[in-house]
Protein backbone atom coordinates (compact mmCIF):
# COMPACT_ATOMS: atom_id res chain seq x y z
CA UNK A 1 140.98 45.44 66.82
CA UNK A 2 144.13 43.36 66.35
CA UNK A 3 145.58 45.61 63.70
CA UNK A 4 145.06 48.76 65.69
CA UNK A 5 143.20 51.93 64.75
CA UNK A 6 143.82 54.28 61.88
CA UNK A 7 144.26 57.98 62.55
CA UNK A 8 140.84 58.61 61.04
CA UNK A 9 139.21 56.06 63.31
CA UNK A 10 140.86 57.53 66.39
CA UNK A 11 139.80 61.03 65.36
CA UNK A 12 136.21 59.81 65.12
CA UNK A 13 136.31 57.99 68.44
CA UNK A 14 137.90 60.87 70.36
CA UNK A 15 136.06 63.60 68.43
CA UNK A 16 139.24 65.44 67.51
CA UNK A 17 140.64 66.32 64.10
CA UNK A 18 143.19 64.27 62.22
CA UNK A 19 145.31 67.41 62.13
CA UNK A 20 145.32 67.49 65.95
CA UNK A 21 146.52 63.89 66.13
CA UNK A 22 149.27 64.62 63.59
CA UNK A 23 150.35 67.60 65.72
CA UNK A 24 150.46 65.48 68.89
CA UNK A 25 152.64 63.00 67.00
CA UNK A 26 154.97 65.69 65.68
CA UNK A 27 155.66 67.12 69.16
CA UNK A 28 156.03 63.68 70.72
CA UNK A 29 152.97 63.95 72.90
CA UNK A 30 151.18 61.00 71.32
CA UNK A 31 153.29 58.97 68.93
CA UNK A 32 151.74 55.60 68.12
CA UNK A 33 154.21 52.78 67.97
CA UNK A 34 152.30 50.89 65.31
CA UNK A 35 152.82 51.53 61.62
CA UNK A 36 151.54 49.84 58.52
CA UNK A 37 153.93 48.61 55.85
CA UNK A 38 153.15 51.82 53.98
CA UNK A 39 154.14 53.88 57.04
CA UNK A 40 150.67 54.93 58.17
CA UNK A 41 150.03 55.36 61.88
CA UNK A 42 148.25 52.57 63.76
CA UNK A 43 147.02 53.38 67.26
CA UNK A 44 146.85 50.72 69.98
CA UNK A 45 144.55 50.65 73.03
CA UNK A 46 147.36 52.10 75.15
CA UNK A 47 147.61 55.04 72.73
CA UNK A 48 143.87 55.69 73.12
CA UNK A 49 144.28 55.61 76.91
CA UNK A 50 147.04 58.23 76.67
CA UNK A 51 144.91 60.32 74.31
CA UNK A 52 142.09 60.24 76.83
CA UNK A 53 144.49 61.56 79.48
CA UNK A 54 145.72 64.29 77.12
CA UNK A 55 142.20 65.45 76.31
CA UNK A 56 141.25 65.49 79.98
CA UNK A 57 144.10 67.80 80.91
CA UNK A 58 143.46 69.93 77.83
CA UNK A 59 139.85 70.34 78.94
CA UNK A 60 141.13 71.70 82.24
CA UNK A 61 143.34 74.21 80.44
CA UNK A 62 146.76 72.58 80.84
CA UNK A 63 149.31 73.51 78.12
CA UNK A 64 150.62 70.66 75.98
CA UNK A 65 154.14 70.91 77.39
CA UNK A 66 152.86 70.46 80.95
CA UNK A 67 150.63 67.56 79.90
CA UNK A 68 153.65 65.80 78.40
CA UNK A 69 155.62 66.26 81.62
CA UNK A 70 152.70 64.93 83.71
CA UNK A 71 152.11 61.85 81.58
CA UNK A 72 155.79 61.02 81.15
CA UNK A 73 156.50 61.16 84.87
CA UNK A 74 157.16 57.51 85.61
CA UNK A 75 157.01 58.09 89.35
CA UNK A 76 153.24 58.68 89.13
CA UNK A 77 151.12 55.55 89.00
CA UNK A 78 147.90 55.27 86.97
CA UNK A 79 145.88 55.29 90.20
CA UNK A 80 147.59 58.51 91.29
CA UNK A 81 146.71 60.06 87.94
CA UNK A 82 143.06 59.17 88.61
CA UNK A 83 143.17 60.67 92.11
CA UNK A 84 144.70 63.84 90.73
CA UNK A 85 142.07 64.04 88.03
CA UNK A 86 139.36 63.57 90.62
CA UNK A 87 140.75 66.48 92.65
CA UNK A 88 140.96 68.66 89.58
CA UNK A 89 137.42 67.80 88.56
CA UNK A 90 136.13 68.48 92.07
CA UNK A 91 137.82 71.89 92.02
CA UNK A 92 136.36 72.62 88.59
CA UNK A 93 132.88 71.57 89.73
CA UNK A 94 133.13 73.83 92.80
CA UNK A 95 134.26 76.72 90.61
CA UNK A 96 131.43 76.16 88.16
CA UNK A 97 128.94 76.01 91.02
CA UNK A 98 130.21 79.38 92.23
CA UNK A 99 129.84 80.79 88.73
CA UNK A 100 126.34 79.33 88.47
CA UNK A 101 125.40 80.91 91.80
CA UNK A 102 126.74 84.28 90.64
CA UNK A 103 124.76 84.06 87.40
CA UNK A 104 121.66 83.03 89.33
CA UNK A 105 121.99 86.07 91.59
CA UNK A 106 122.40 88.26 88.54
CA UNK A 107 119.30 86.73 86.95
CA UNK A 108 117.29 87.22 90.11
CA UNK A 109 118.47 90.80 90.47
CA UNK A 110 117.50 91.52 86.87
CA UNK A 111 114.15 89.79 87.29
CA UNK A 112 113.38 91.76 90.42
CA UNK A 113 114.76 95.01 89.05
CA UNK A 114 117.11 95.25 92.03
CA UNK A 115 120.59 95.64 90.61
CA UNK A 116 122.40 94.83 93.85
CA UNK A 117 124.48 91.99 95.17
CA UNK A 118 123.11 90.09 98.19
CA UNK A 119 125.61 91.93 100.40
CA UNK A 120 124.49 95.30 99.03
CA UNK A 121 120.84 94.41 99.60
CA UNK A 122 121.52 93.82 103.28
CA UNK A 123 123.65 96.97 103.41
CA UNK A 124 120.91 99.11 101.88
CA UNK A 125 117.78 97.54 103.37
CA UNK A 126 119.15 96.45 106.74
CA UNK A 127 119.57 93.18 108.60
CA UNK A 128 115.82 92.50 108.60
CA UNK A 129 115.81 92.15 104.81
CA UNK A 130 115.04 88.68 103.45
CA UNK A 131 115.65 87.72 99.80
CA UNK A 132 112.71 85.29 99.89
CA UNK A 133 110.38 88.28 100.18
CA UNK A 134 111.18 89.05 96.53
CA UNK A 135 109.94 85.64 95.39
CA UNK A 136 106.84 85.97 97.52
CA UNK A 137 106.13 89.41 96.07
CA UNK A 138 106.37 88.07 92.54
CA UNK A 139 104.04 85.17 93.38
CA UNK A 140 101.45 87.52 94.86
CA UNK A 141 101.59 90.39 92.38
CA UNK A 142 103.58 89.15 89.39
CA UNK A 143 100.57 89.22 87.07
CA UNK A 144 99.54 92.78 87.90
CA UNK A 145 100.24 95.93 85.94
CA UNK A 146 101.67 97.56 89.06
CA UNK A 147 104.27 94.78 89.28
CA UNK A 148 105.18 95.12 85.60
CA UNK A 149 105.46 98.89 85.94
CA UNK A 150 107.67 98.54 88.99
CA UNK A 151 109.96 96.13 87.13
CA UNK A 152 110.34 98.54 84.24
CA UNK A 153 111.07 101.51 86.46
CA UNK A 154 113.48 99.83 88.86
CA UNK A 155 115.40 97.90 86.20
CA UNK A 156 117.82 100.78 85.82
CA UNK A 157 118.21 101.59 89.51
CA UNK A 158 121.74 101.47 90.86
CA UNK A 159 122.88 101.17 94.46
CA UNK A 160 122.75 104.95 94.89
CA UNK A 161 119.09 104.99 93.81
CA UNK A 162 118.15 102.38 96.39
CA UNK A 163 120.10 104.25 99.07
CA UNK A 164 118.14 107.41 98.23
CA UNK A 165 114.83 105.55 98.35
CA UNK A 166 115.78 103.98 101.68
CA UNK A 167 116.78 107.38 103.09
CA UNK A 168 113.45 108.87 101.99
CA UNK A 169 111.56 105.99 103.62
CA UNK A 170 113.54 106.37 106.85
CA UNK A 171 112.82 110.10 106.93
CA UNK A 172 109.10 109.42 106.41
CA UNK A 173 109.12 106.84 109.19
CA UNK A 174 110.65 109.42 111.53
CA UNK A 175 107.81 111.82 110.69
CA UNK A 176 105.23 109.08 111.24
CA UNK A 177 106.66 108.24 114.65
CA UNK A 178 106.76 111.92 115.61
CA UNK A 179 103.11 112.49 114.66
CA UNK A 180 101.96 109.27 116.32
CA UNK A 181 103.80 109.89 119.59
CA UNK A 182 102.54 113.48 119.60
CA UNK A 183 99.01 112.09 119.75
CA UNK A 184 97.85 113.13 116.30
CA UNK A 185 94.60 111.29 115.45
CA UNK A 186 94.84 108.87 112.53
CA UNK A 187 91.98 110.62 110.73
CA UNK A 188 93.36 114.11 111.34
CA UNK A 189 94.97 116.38 108.78
CA UNK A 190 98.66 115.80 109.72
CA UNK A 191 98.23 112.02 109.76
CA UNK A 192 96.41 111.97 106.43
CA UNK A 193 99.05 114.23 104.89
CA UNK A 194 101.73 111.79 105.97
CA UNK A 195 99.69 108.91 104.56
CA UNK A 196 99.63 110.75 101.26
CA UNK A 197 103.40 111.24 101.39
CA UNK A 198 103.64 107.49 101.97
CA UNK A 199 101.53 106.81 98.85
CA UNK A 200 103.43 109.38 96.79
CA UNK A 201 106.74 107.76 97.76
CA UNK A 202 105.52 104.58 96.05
CA UNK A 203 104.26 106.53 93.04
CA UNK A 204 107.52 108.41 92.62
CA UNK A 205 109.77 105.36 92.87
CA UNK A 206 107.85 102.24 91.86
CA UNK A 207 104.39 102.33 90.30
CA UNK A 208 101.13 104.27 90.15
CA UNK A 209 99.81 103.43 93.58
CA UNK A 210 96.07 104.12 93.42
CA UNK A 211 94.10 104.75 96.59
CA UNK A 212 92.62 101.27 96.22
CA UNK A 213 96.08 99.72 96.06
CA UNK A 214 97.15 101.87 98.99
CA UNK A 215 94.24 100.50 101.03
CA UNK A 216 95.45 96.99 100.22
CA UNK A 217 98.95 97.85 101.41
CA UNK A 218 97.49 99.27 104.63
CA UNK A 219 95.65 95.99 105.15
CA UNK A 220 98.93 94.08 105.10
CA UNK A 221 100.30 96.33 107.83
CA UNK A 222 97.81 94.84 110.29
CA UNK A 223 97.17 91.41 108.72
CA UNK A 224 100.74 90.22 108.10
CA UNK A 225 102.86 90.02 111.26
CA UNK A 226 106.04 90.66 109.29
CA UNK A 227 104.76 94.03 108.03
CA UNK A 228 103.26 94.83 111.40
CA UNK A 229 106.60 94.20 113.10
CA UNK A 230 108.37 96.73 110.89
CA UNK A 231 106.26 99.56 112.29
CA UNK A 232 105.81 98.14 115.78
CA UNK A 233 109.57 98.21 116.19
CA UNK A 234 109.46 101.94 115.47
CA UNK A 235 106.67 102.58 117.93
CA UNK A 236 104.12 100.18 119.47
CA UNK A 237 100.75 100.86 117.87
CA UNK A 238 102.19 102.62 114.82
CA UNK A 239 101.14 99.89 112.36
CA UNK A 240 97.44 100.24 113.23
CA UNK A 241 97.69 104.03 113.30
CA UNK A 242 99.28 104.14 109.83
CA UNK A 243 96.68 101.69 108.54
CA UNK A 244 93.89 103.93 109.78
CA UNK A 245 95.57 107.07 108.43
CA UNK A 246 95.89 105.53 104.96
CA UNK A 247 92.22 104.54 104.93
CA UNK A 248 91.17 107.98 106.13
CA UNK A 249 93.33 109.69 103.52
CA UNK A 250 91.96 107.50 100.72
CA UNK A 251 88.37 108.20 101.77
CA UNK A 252 89.01 111.94 102.03
CA UNK A 253 90.81 112.34 98.71
CA UNK A 254 88.37 110.19 96.72
CA UNK A 255 85.42 112.12 98.08
CA UNK A 256 84.08 109.25 100.16
CA UNK A 257 84.40 111.45 103.18
CA UNK A 258 83.37 115.01 103.31
């Protein structure tokens, strides 16, 4: 436009207010050289280029005084301004990605009911813990009432709660290993009592684990190598023994076995 742009037109193009442009003019940050005979501001293409630079630095949080010093530094070429802006944008993108990752972790923790950071999860559950297990669990049981109940109950758990639950599980594992290595039969009273403690631990902390559900859990201990390994590392043969003890306990307590 040969005659330049009016302040209203520039405001519309740059999506700023006329008042903002007047302020930039008053402080000498963006003072258009063009004027109409009546004294109204007329902005040239170079003025719009400078305004674009101003708005870029404002977006990144620079104060107006610092923006003026940056743009009025004649030792900095236009290409150097672009390189600097690229660096600043790259830094901002990296920062936003970190924020997005933090929010994502928070969303996942809330979704899973585990109010822990990734570092705390490994601290509480040990080096063998894998975050992908949470996604797999939701895929397998996300539409069940037991899953929904577990989410409701664990939503308010803090780190101390998970540490207590882990300590209880570790203590139970020690009792399982002791009974197994002592030669207790899987269908004997001590083994079935421990199987019931195992079921009750789930009931107390997560959801109403019925005997049918408990049988399904026992099945995973021998069908899924990852679950099997957890108990085999405690004592070779323990996974099968616990599986059998859980089935025996379920049969006994539901009256299927006299």
